[in-house]
Protein backbone atom coordinates (compact mmCIF):
# COMPACT_ATOMS: atom_id res chain seq x y z
CA MET A 1 89.92 140.49 146.58
CA LYS A 2 92.16 139.52 143.73
CA LYS A 3 95.84 140.21 144.41
CA CYS A 4 97.19 142.81 142.19
CA LEU A 5 100.70 144.50 141.38
CA TYR A 6 100.86 148.22 141.30
CA MET A 7 102.44 150.39 138.79
CA ALA A 8 104.43 153.47 140.05
CA VAL A 9 104.95 156.20 137.52
CA ALA A 10 103.54 154.49 134.38
CA ALA A 11 100.72 151.90 133.82
CA ILE A 12 100.19 148.99 131.57
CA ALA A 13 96.86 148.81 129.76
CA VAL A 14 95.40 146.01 127.97
CA LEU A 15 92.75 147.83 126.00
CA SER A 16 90.76 148.04 122.81
CA SER A 17 88.75 150.78 120.95
CA CYS A 18 85.03 150.55 120.30
CA SER A 19 85.81 149.10 116.98
CA GLY A 20 86.77 145.90 118.60
CA ASN A 21 90.46 145.85 118.08
CA ASN A 22 92.12 143.91 120.77
CA ASP A 23 95.34 144.37 122.37
CA THR A 24 96.21 141.56 124.97
CA ILE A 25 99.21 141.03 127.10
CA PHE A 26 101.16 137.79 126.51
CA ASP A 27 103.50 135.78 128.63
CA GLU A 28 106.78 134.89 127.05
CA GLY A 29 106.03 132.00 124.57
CA GLY A 30 103.11 133.89 123.18
CA LYS A 31 100.28 132.36 125.26
CA GLN A 32 97.33 134.79 125.16
CA GLN A 33 96.06 135.04 128.75
CA SER A 34 92.80 137.11 128.43
CA GLU A 35 90.62 139.20 126.32
CA ALA A 36 91.46 142.92 126.08
CA LYS A 37 88.96 145.42 127.36
CA VAL A 38 87.56 148.79 126.41
CA PHE A 39 88.99 152.06 127.60
CA THR A 40 86.97 155.26 127.46
CA ALA A 41 88.54 158.46 128.12
CA THR A 42 85.93 161.19 128.81
CA ILE A 43 86.37 164.54 130.48
CA GLU A 44 83.50 164.84 132.99
CA SER A 45 84.48 163.11 136.03
CA ASP A 46 86.49 163.96 139.07
CA GLY A 47 89.68 161.97 140.13
CA LEU A 48 91.46 160.89 143.39
CA THR A 49 95.03 159.76 144.17
CA SER A 50 95.78 156.04 143.46
CA ARG A 51 97.41 153.91 140.99
CA THR A 52 96.85 151.39 138.10
CA THR A 53 96.81 147.72 138.75
CA ILE A 54 97.48 144.67 136.74
CA ASN A 55 96.28 141.26 137.91
CA ARG A 56 99.16 138.55 137.99
CA GLU A 57 97.06 135.82 139.53
CA ALA A 58 96.38 132.62 137.41
CA GLY A 59 92.87 132.52 136.17
CA ASP A 60 90.17 134.20 133.93
CA ASN A 61 91.47 137.60 134.94
CA TYR A 62 95.05 137.05 134.48
CA ASN A 63 96.98 140.19 133.00
CA LYS A 64 93.64 142.15 132.94
CA VAL A 65 94.26 145.77 133.79
CA SER A 66 92.52 148.12 136.21
CA TRP A 67 92.67 151.87 136.17
CA CYS A 68 92.68 153.34 139.56
CA ALA A 69 91.39 156.74 140.79
CA GLY A 70 93.78 159.49 140.22
CA ASP A 71 95.94 157.93 137.46
CA GLU A 72 97.09 160.84 135.27
CA ILE A 73 97.38 160.88 131.56
CA SER A 74 98.24 163.78 129.13
CA ILE A 75 95.92 164.40 126.22
CA ASN A 76 97.58 166.99 123.82
CA GLY A 77 99.65 168.14 126.67
CA VAL A 78 96.83 168.56 129.22
CA THR A 79 96.93 166.47 132.25
CA TYR A 80 93.74 164.58 132.97
CA THR A 81 93.00 162.28 136.20
CA ALA A 82 91.03 159.05 136.12
CA THR A 83 87.85 157.79 137.83
CA PRO A 84 87.56 154.12 137.03
CA ASN A 85 84.24 152.54 136.00
CA GLY A 86 82.60 150.99 139.09
CA THR A 87 82.07 147.65 137.69
CA ASP A 88 84.82 147.39 135.04
CA ALA A 89 87.95 149.19 136.22
CA SER A 90 89.63 148.54 132.87
CA LYS A 91 87.38 151.52 131.76
CA ALA A 92 87.66 154.92 133.33
CA THR A 93 86.36 158.61 132.71
CA PHE A 94 89.10 161.44 132.83
CA ALA A 95 88.68 164.93 133.96
CA LYS A 96 91.11 167.71 133.58
CA LYS A 97 93.36 167.83 136.57
CA THR A 98 93.50 171.74 136.30
CA ALA A 99 90.13 173.52 135.56
CA GLY A 100 92.02 176.51 133.87
CA ASP A 101 93.75 174.28 131.05
CA ALA A 102 92.08 174.58 127.78
CA ASP A 103 90.24 171.47 126.30
CA PRO A 104 92.32 169.64 123.69
CA THR A 105 90.85 169.48 120.24
CA ALA A 106 90.97 166.53 117.72
CA THR A 107 93.44 164.94 116.81
CA TYR A 108 93.94 163.51 120.29
CA LYS A 109 97.37 162.23 121.22
CA ALA A 110 97.53 160.69 124.77
CA CYS A 111 100.27 159.20 126.81
CA TYR A 112 100.62 157.47 130.18
CA PRO A 113 102.30 158.63 132.42
CA ALA A 114 101.41 162.23 131.84
CA THR A 115 105.10 163.13 132.31
CA MET A 116 106.18 161.52 129.20
CA SER A 117 104.98 164.68 127.31
CA SER A 118 104.75 168.15 128.35
CA ASN A 119 103.15 169.59 125.14
CA GLY A 120 101.25 166.92 123.58
CA THR A 121 103.55 166.80 120.43
CA THR A 122 106.84 165.47 121.63
CA PHE A 123 107.26 162.33 123.76
CA SER A 124 110.10 160.85 125.65
CA LEU A 125 110.51 157.47 127.44
CA PRO A 126 112.24 158.20 130.90
CA ALA A 127 115.45 156.94 131.96
CA THR A 128 114.44 156.59 135.56
CA TYR A 129 111.58 155.07 137.57
CA THR A 130 110.57 154.91 141.11
CA TYR A 131 109.46 151.44 142.64
CA ALA A 132 107.76 150.91 146.09
CA ALA A 133 106.70 147.39 147.21
CA GLY A 134 105.10 145.54 144.49
CA LYS A 135 104.71 148.44 141.99
CA PHE A 136 106.06 148.67 138.38
CA ASN A 137 106.08 150.96 135.43
CA MET A 138 104.86 150.69 131.81
CA PRO A 139 104.63 153.60 129.32
CA MET A 140 101.53 153.64 126.88
CA TYR A 141 100.24 155.74 124.11
CA ALA A 142 96.73 156.38 122.45
CA TYR A 143 95.87 158.28 119.34
CA ASN A 144 92.43 159.13 117.90
CA THR A 145 91.48 161.57 115.06
CA SER A 146 88.06 162.60 116.47
CA SER A 147 86.45 160.35 119.07
CA LYS A 148 87.14 160.90 122.84
CA GLU A 149 87.17 156.98 123.23
CA LEU A 150 90.94 156.48 123.57
CA SER A 151 92.55 152.98 123.11
CA PHE A 152 95.91 152.93 124.82
CA LYS A 153 98.73 150.70 123.55
CA ASN A 154 101.73 149.57 125.52
CA LEU A 155 104.97 151.04 124.04
CA CYS A 156 107.32 148.33 125.56
CA GLY A 157 107.57 145.01 126.86
CA VAL A 158 108.16 144.39 130.62
CA LEU A 159 111.12 142.58 132.26
CA ALA A 160 109.94 140.85 135.35
CA ILE A 161 113.26 140.71 137.33
CA THR A 162 112.99 138.47 140.67
CA VAL A 163 115.84 139.16 143.07
CA PRO A 164 116.27 136.01 145.29
CA THR A 165 117.38 136.53 148.87
CA THR A 166 120.51 134.42 148.20
CA GLN A 167 121.69 137.38 146.06
CA LEU A 168 120.77 140.48 148.07
CA SER A 169 118.89 140.96 151.30
CA THR A 170 117.79 144.45 150.22
CA VAL A 171 117.48 146.15 146.91
CA SER A 172 117.92 149.97 146.51
CA THR A 173 118.38 150.16 142.62
CA VAL A 174 117.90 147.97 139.81
CA THR A 175 119.63 148.96 136.58
CA VAL A 176 119.02 147.47 133.08
CA SER A 177 121.49 148.24 130.40
CA SER A 178 121.37 147.22 126.74
CA ASP A 179 123.19 147.29 123.50
CA GLN A 180 120.08 148.98 121.97
CA GLN A 181 118.43 152.27 123.01
CA LEU A 182 116.22 152.31 126.03
CA ASN A 183 115.00 155.80 126.52
CA GLY A 184 114.64 159.13 124.90
CA ALA A 185 112.49 160.99 122.45
CA PHE A 186 110.29 159.04 120.20
CA THR A 187 107.26 158.83 117.88
CA ALA A 188 104.49 156.41 117.91
CA THR A 189 101.87 154.75 115.76
CA GLU A 190 98.21 154.43 116.63
CA ALA A 191 99.05 150.58 117.10
CA GLY A 192 101.83 151.46 119.69
CA VAL A 193 104.89 150.89 117.52
CA LEU A 194 107.64 153.08 118.95
CA THR A 195 110.47 154.64 116.86
CA PHE A 196 113.33 156.51 118.65
CA GLU A 197 114.40 159.79 117.10
CA SER A 198 117.70 159.38 115.28
CA LYS A 199 120.71 160.24 117.34
CA THR A 200 124.19 159.28 118.30
CA LEU A 201 123.77 156.96 121.07
CA GLU A 202 125.63 157.20 124.36
CA ASP A 203 125.78 154.76 127.25
CA ALA A 204 122.93 156.85 129.06
CA ASP A 205 120.61 156.22 126.24
CA LYS A 206 120.92 152.55 126.71
CA LYS A 207 120.18 152.29 130.39
CA ILE A 208 117.27 152.33 132.80
CA THR A 209 117.35 152.71 136.41
CA LEU A 210 114.72 151.68 138.98
CA THR A 211 115.01 153.40 142.33
CA VAL A 212 113.48 151.25 145.09
CA ALA A 213 111.95 153.18 147.97
CA SER A 214 111.45 150.30 150.22
CA GLY A 215 113.13 147.26 148.58
CA GLY A 216 113.65 143.64 149.73
CA SER A 217 114.96 140.62 147.90
CA GLY A 218 112.60 138.20 146.69
CA ASN A 219 110.46 141.04 145.09
CA VAL A 220 109.78 140.99 141.58
CA PHE A 221 111.02 144.30 139.83
CA TYR A 222 109.42 145.49 136.78
CA ILE A 223 111.18 147.61 134.13
CA PRO A 224 109.79 148.39 130.53
CA VAL A 225 112.01 147.75 127.59
CA PRO A 226 111.16 148.92 124.08
CA ALA A 227 110.88 146.08 121.51
CA GLY A 228 113.97 144.68 119.90
CA SER A 229 116.75 142.30 120.27
CA HIS A 230 118.66 143.30 123.53
CA THR A 231 121.82 141.91 124.93
CA LEU A 232 121.16 142.91 128.45
CA GLU A 233 123.17 143.48 131.65
CA VAL A 234 121.10 143.69 134.87
CA ALA A 235 122.76 145.38 137.98
CA VAL A 236 121.22 145.27 141.43
CA SER A 237 122.58 147.11 144.42
CA ASP A 238 121.75 147.51 148.11
CA GLY A 239 123.64 150.88 148.23
CA THR A 240 126.75 149.24 149.26
CA THR A 241 127.20 145.93 147.02
CA THR A 242 126.48 145.83 143.45
CA LYS A 243 125.95 142.66 141.59
CA LYS A 244 125.69 142.19 137.93
CA MET A 245 124.40 139.46 135.28
CA THR A 246 124.44 139.47 131.77
CA THR A 247 122.05 137.47 129.43
CA SER A 248 124.09 134.84 127.69
CA THR A 249 122.16 135.39 124.49
CA ALA A 250 120.07 138.33 123.02
CA VAL A 251 116.63 138.65 124.49
CA THR A 252 113.97 139.49 121.85
CA VAL A 253 111.40 141.68 123.44
CA ALA A 254 108.02 142.17 121.93
CA ARG A 255 105.79 145.00 122.69
CA ASN A 256 102.99 144.08 125.20
CA THR A 257 104.71 141.06 126.58
CA ILE A 258 106.14 140.27 130.13
CA TYR A 259 109.42 138.45 130.28
CA ASN A 260 110.47 136.63 133.56
CA ILE A 261 114.04 136.73 134.61
CA VAL A 262 115.63 135.44 137.79
CA PHE A 263 118.60 137.44 138.74
CA ALA A 264 121.68 135.41 139.24
CA VAL A 265 125.42 136.50 139.09
CA VAL A 266 126.96 134.99 136.21
CA THR A 267 130.81 134.50 136.94
CA PRO A 268 132.84 136.81 134.46
CA PHE A 269 135.60 134.02 134.10
CA LEU A 270 135.74 131.10 131.69
CA PRO A 271 135.71 127.62 133.43
CA GLY A 272 139.06 125.81 133.89
CA LEU A 273 142.29 126.65 135.34
CA PHE A 274 145.59 127.75 133.51
CA THR A 275 149.05 127.15 135.03
CA VAL A 276 151.24 130.23 134.40
CA ASN A 277 154.60 129.38 136.25
CA GLY A 278 156.84 126.71 137.52
CA SER A 279 155.46 127.09 141.10
CA GLY A 280 152.05 125.97 140.04
CA LYS A 281 150.26 129.21 140.10
CA GLN A 282 146.92 128.91 138.21
CA VAL A 283 144.67 131.66 136.91
CA GLN A 284 141.31 132.11 135.58
CA PHE A 285 140.71 134.15 132.31
CA THR A 286 137.86 136.53 131.86
CA LYS A 287 135.32 135.60 129.34
CA SER A 288 136.29 138.45 126.97
CA ASN A 289 138.58 141.25 126.33
CA LEU A 290 138.59 144.60 128.09
CA TYR A 291 137.38 147.85 126.63
CA TRP A 292 136.94 151.52 127.87
CA ASN A 293 133.35 153.01 127.47
CA GLY A 294 134.44 156.63 128.13
CA SER A 295 134.04 156.47 131.85
CA ALA A 296 134.72 152.80 133.02
CA PHE A 297 136.17 149.46 132.12
CA LYS A 298 133.74 146.94 130.51
CA PHE A 299 134.07 143.46 129.18
CA GLU A 300 133.26 142.88 125.43
CA ALA A 301 129.89 141.04 124.86
CA LYS A 302 131.68 138.22 122.98
CA GLN A 303 135.31 136.76 123.08
CA THR A 304 135.82 137.72 119.45
CA ASP A 305 134.62 141.32 119.81
CA TYR A 306 137.06 144.18 119.41
CA GLN A 307 137.13 147.81 117.89
CA THR A 308 138.02 148.40 114.15
CA THR A 309 137.18 152.16 113.85
CA TRP A 310 137.74 154.86 116.43
CA ASP A 311 135.00 155.32 118.85
CA ALA A 312 135.99 157.12 122.12
CA ASN A 313 133.09 155.42 123.74
CA HIS A 314 134.28 151.99 123.00
CA VAL A 315 138.08 151.71 122.98
CA SER A 316 139.46 148.12 122.89
CA HIS A 317 143.07 148.99 122.21
CA LEU A 318 144.76 150.39 125.16
CA PHE A 319 147.95 152.30 125.96
CA TRP A 320 150.30 150.75 128.54
CA THR A 321 150.99 153.06 131.51
CA LYS A 322 152.36 152.44 134.95
CA SER A 323 150.29 154.53 137.18
CA ALA A 324 147.25 156.80 137.33
CA ALA A 325 149.41 159.75 137.10
CA ALA A 326 150.92 158.62 133.79
CA SER A 327 147.86 157.20 132.51
CA TYR A 328 147.13 159.87 129.90
CA ALA A 329 150.84 160.18 128.77
CA GLN A 330 151.59 159.88 125.21
CA ASN A 331 154.88 158.32 126.08
CA TYR A 332 155.92 156.84 129.40
CA GLY A 333 156.17 159.53 132.04
CA ASP A 334 156.64 162.46 129.51
CA GLY A 335 153.58 164.16 131.14
CA THR A 336 151.72 165.11 127.88
CA ASN A 337 147.99 164.87 127.57
CA ALA A 338 146.34 163.39 124.41
CA THR A 339 142.59 163.50 124.14
CA ASN A 340 142.63 159.86 122.56
CA ASP A 341 144.66 158.19 125.42
CA VAL A 342 142.73 155.89 127.63
CA PRO A 343 144.14 154.74 131.01
CA PHE A 344 145.37 151.20 131.63
CA PHE A 345 147.11 150.45 134.82
CA ALA A 346 149.54 147.51 133.59
CA GLU A 347 151.42 147.20 136.87
CA SER A 348 148.43 147.25 139.28
CA GLN A 349 148.67 143.44 139.87
CA GLY A 350 145.48 142.30 141.05
CA GLY A 351 144.21 145.64 141.53
CA LEU A 352 141.98 146.24 138.56
CA THR A 353 138.14 146.10 139.13
CA VAL A 354 135.76 145.62 136.11
CA GLU A 355 132.02 145.40 136.33
CA GLY A 356 132.19 144.65 140.04
CA THR A 357 134.83 141.94 139.77
CA SER A 358 138.03 142.81 141.71
CA GLY A 359 141.47 141.14 141.74
CA LEU A 360 142.00 141.30 138.04
CA TYR A 361 145.31 141.87 136.22
CA VAL A 362 147.33 141.07 133.06
CA LEU A 363 149.85 138.36 132.81
CA THR A 364 153.47 139.19 132.77
CA ILE A 365 155.42 138.36 129.56
CA ALA A 366 156.97 135.30 131.57
CA GLU A 367 153.61 133.96 132.61
CA TRP A 368 152.45 134.28 128.94
CA ASN A 369 155.34 132.32 127.70
CA TYR A 370 155.01 129.60 130.44
CA LEU A 371 151.44 129.27 129.78
CA LEU A 372 152.02 128.80 126.03
CA ASN A 373 155.28 126.84 125.92
CA SER A 374 156.12 125.32 129.32
CA ARG A 375 153.17 124.08 131.00
CA THR A 376 152.36 120.35 130.88
CA ASN A 377 151.22 119.64 127.34
CA ALA A 378 151.59 123.35 126.45
CA THR A 379 152.01 122.81 122.70
CA SER A 380 148.85 120.65 122.66
CA LEU A 381 146.96 123.23 124.58
CA ARG A 382 147.23 125.94 122.18
CA LYS A 383 146.62 126.47 118.48
CA PRO A 384 146.87 129.69 116.27
CA GLU A 385 144.87 130.77 113.24
CA VAL A 386 141.66 129.07 114.39
CA THR A 387 138.34 130.34 112.96
CA VAL A 388 135.78 131.14 115.66
CA GLY A 389 132.36 132.14 114.23
CA SER A 390 133.23 135.05 111.70
CA ALA A 391 136.63 135.61 113.34
CA THR A 392 139.64 134.08 111.61
CA LYS A 393 143.13 133.51 112.83
CA CYS A 394 142.14 133.46 116.66
CA LEU A 395 144.58 132.06 119.05
CA ILE A 396 142.96 129.36 121.05
CA ILE A 397 144.32 128.34 124.66
CA ALA A 398 142.82 125.48 126.36
CA PRO A 399 142.94 124.91 130.19
CA ASP A 400 144.95 122.50 132.11
CA GLY A 401 143.94 119.00 131.71
CA PHE A 402 142.16 119.39 128.39
CA THR A 403 142.29 116.21 126.48
CA SER A 404 140.49 116.81 123.28
CA THR A 405 142.36 117.85 120.16
CA LEU A 406 142.22 121.43 119.27
CA GLN A 407 140.13 122.01 115.92
CA SER A 408 140.90 124.52 113.30
CA SER A 409 137.11 125.96 113.47
CA TYR A 410 134.68 126.41 116.21
CA THR A 411 131.48 128.29 116.86
CA LEU A 412 131.34 130.86 119.58
CA ASP A 413 128.95 128.67 121.77
CA GLU A 414 131.55 125.84 121.42
CA VAL A 415 134.71 127.64 122.65
CA ASN A 416 132.69 129.09 125.67
CA THR A 417 131.21 125.76 126.63
CA LEU A 418 134.71 124.03 126.28
CA GLY A 419 136.15 126.82 128.39
CA LEU A 420 138.65 127.71 125.52
CA VAL A 421 140.22 130.91 125.68
CA CYS A 422 139.77 132.78 122.19
CA LEU A 423 142.04 135.61 121.53
CA PRO A 424 141.05 137.29 118.26
CA ALA A 425 143.55 138.88 115.99
CA ALA A 426 142.58 142.27 116.75
CA GLY A 427 145.50 144.15 115.43
CA GLU A 428 146.78 147.41 117.13
CA ARG A 429 145.96 151.08 117.30
CA ALA A 430 148.04 154.10 116.62
CA VAL A 431 145.94 157.04 118.21
CA THR A 432 142.81 156.73 115.97
CA THR A 433 144.40 154.55 113.17
CA PHE A 434 144.00 150.62 113.39
CA ASN A 435 146.49 148.14 111.80
CA TYR A 436 146.41 144.46 110.93
CA CYS A 437 142.95 143.73 112.41
CA GLY A 438 142.12 140.27 111.39
CA SER A 439 145.52 139.31 110.68
CA TYR A 440 147.67 139.62 113.79
CA GLY A 441 147.04 139.60 117.53
CA TYR A 442 148.83 142.16 119.71
CA TYR A 443 148.11 141.63 123.58
CA TRP A 444 149.88 143.63 126.34
CA SER A 445 151.73 141.84 129.11
CA ALA A 446 152.41 143.56 132.51
CA THR A 447 156.22 143.52 131.77
CA PRO A 448 158.11 146.79 131.16
CA ASN A 449 160.97 146.55 128.64
CA SER A 450 164.03 146.65 131.12
CA SER A 451 166.25 148.08 128.39
CA ASP A 452 163.77 150.98 127.24
CA MET A 453 161.52 152.35 129.72
CA THR A 454 159.51 153.96 127.00
CA SER A 455 158.29 150.45 125.88
CA ALA A 456 156.73 147.35 127.30
CA ARG A 457 156.44 143.61 126.31
CA TYR A 458 153.65 142.18 124.68
CA LEU A 459 152.29 138.65 123.16
CA LEU A 460 152.27 138.82 119.37
CA PHE A 461 150.63 135.87 117.23
CA GLY A 462 149.66 135.31 113.67
CA GLN A 463 150.69 132.01 112.09
CA ASN A 464 153.36 131.81 114.84
CA ILE A 465 153.36 132.80 118.45
CA TYR A 466 156.20 134.91 120.12
CA ASP A 467 156.77 137.98 122.23
CA ASP A 468 158.04 141.35 121.39
CA SER A 469 158.09 145.08 122.65
CA ASP A 470 156.74 148.26 121.57
CA TYR A 471 156.28 151.85 122.69
CA ARG A 472 153.71 152.20 125.49
CA TYR A 473 151.62 154.69 123.61
CA ARG A 474 150.68 151.84 121.06
CA GLY A 475 147.07 150.63 121.60
CA LEU A 476 147.11 146.90 122.15
CA ILE A 477 144.43 144.49 123.39
CA LEU A 478 143.96 143.29 127.00
CA ARG A 479 142.73 139.93 128.22
CA LEU A 480 142.41 140.01 132.07
CA VAL A 481 143.02 137.00 134.60
CA ALA A 482 142.54 136.49 138.40
CA THR A 483 144.66 134.17 140.44
CA ALA A 484 142.76 131.05 141.17
CA GLN A 485 141.30 130.77 144.62
């Protein structure tokens, strides 16, 4: 018996209609693995309880799909269950699950799993799936104007995420987040091309969670992702510990394609150490600036990213506050509450946790000044007004021991590879108004203004580099560090 993997609440079908239109699964790279098979949906047969399988063994049957008894589809909102063909399980007949349901009439619109549509006219990709040893999920859709022979098309590509035992010994959830929509209401063409309904996206729309009933590291976890270019974050958890990785470049996902990803935690820090005081204290810088997504702190996707127009779900210019109690104060300690305020605990030295990384904090103004002006070769290890990609007037800071000459222009990949801190000239925010974006950089320190407790110290740069102070309700940028171990 060939070894197969099982789908949980959806199935992946590599199918064609009687007209001979083929729809085959490709592995990443575009190599065709097998010829598609015909799927015929009829309404005569009975169904049992089982799942649909896809063969992943190398050979002639690689990626061929089998229907299993009891697989449920929805045809015009009526649920049908499958009885596979005895000699070719890529074909099946379907009978109504509930005898009292009315037979659908042409035009037929069908989906798998059946739960993607309750009425046969509206469809929605789920945000959550359930996994159990070796099972995975894949939505599909079929359309026919008259014939009862339905050719299902895969609506998504598949991320095959392997979690090695060195990462987690058991897995209870796998969550994939993207900068693009992953779930929600959609329309589809006969060819399986999916289009989401237009809406203002929230973080929940860009996330898929797989709940693992009986997990274990070393397993491959399959998650459907709509076609598109995705910057992906993958989080795996054993219920206590959560580990995350982010794809270094955007993943272009094609419909009906399997993408293999080996989960590996990518450090959120740039390579290299930076000395910040006369006692030799060294820190690591995070790979990008901080932002608030409306419910949690996150790192920007790129070093040069920052907000230029108001978006409460992506706030990169944050207010300076001393404690959680004062985190929404318009002025330090005045107790007022403004809806646009975002918390930042500037004095929680080493206490901030972002995306599972703990021990993060903001440099004091003395540490900023030592880094830029007093460490060995300080003036050779910094350069203002550098162009990085499309961002101009960035401040570049090189790690200790960097021996090359800093250039006036870099690509984003170059600064990341060299371990250079790139601070974009992100300007400042006054409630919802942004000023000096692309001209000046304003970066908070963790130092209050000793002569005026309503203000705090910050690093300012344009053509020159110096420090200043401003009211704590001004929205400035944050780049976090951690003490080097």
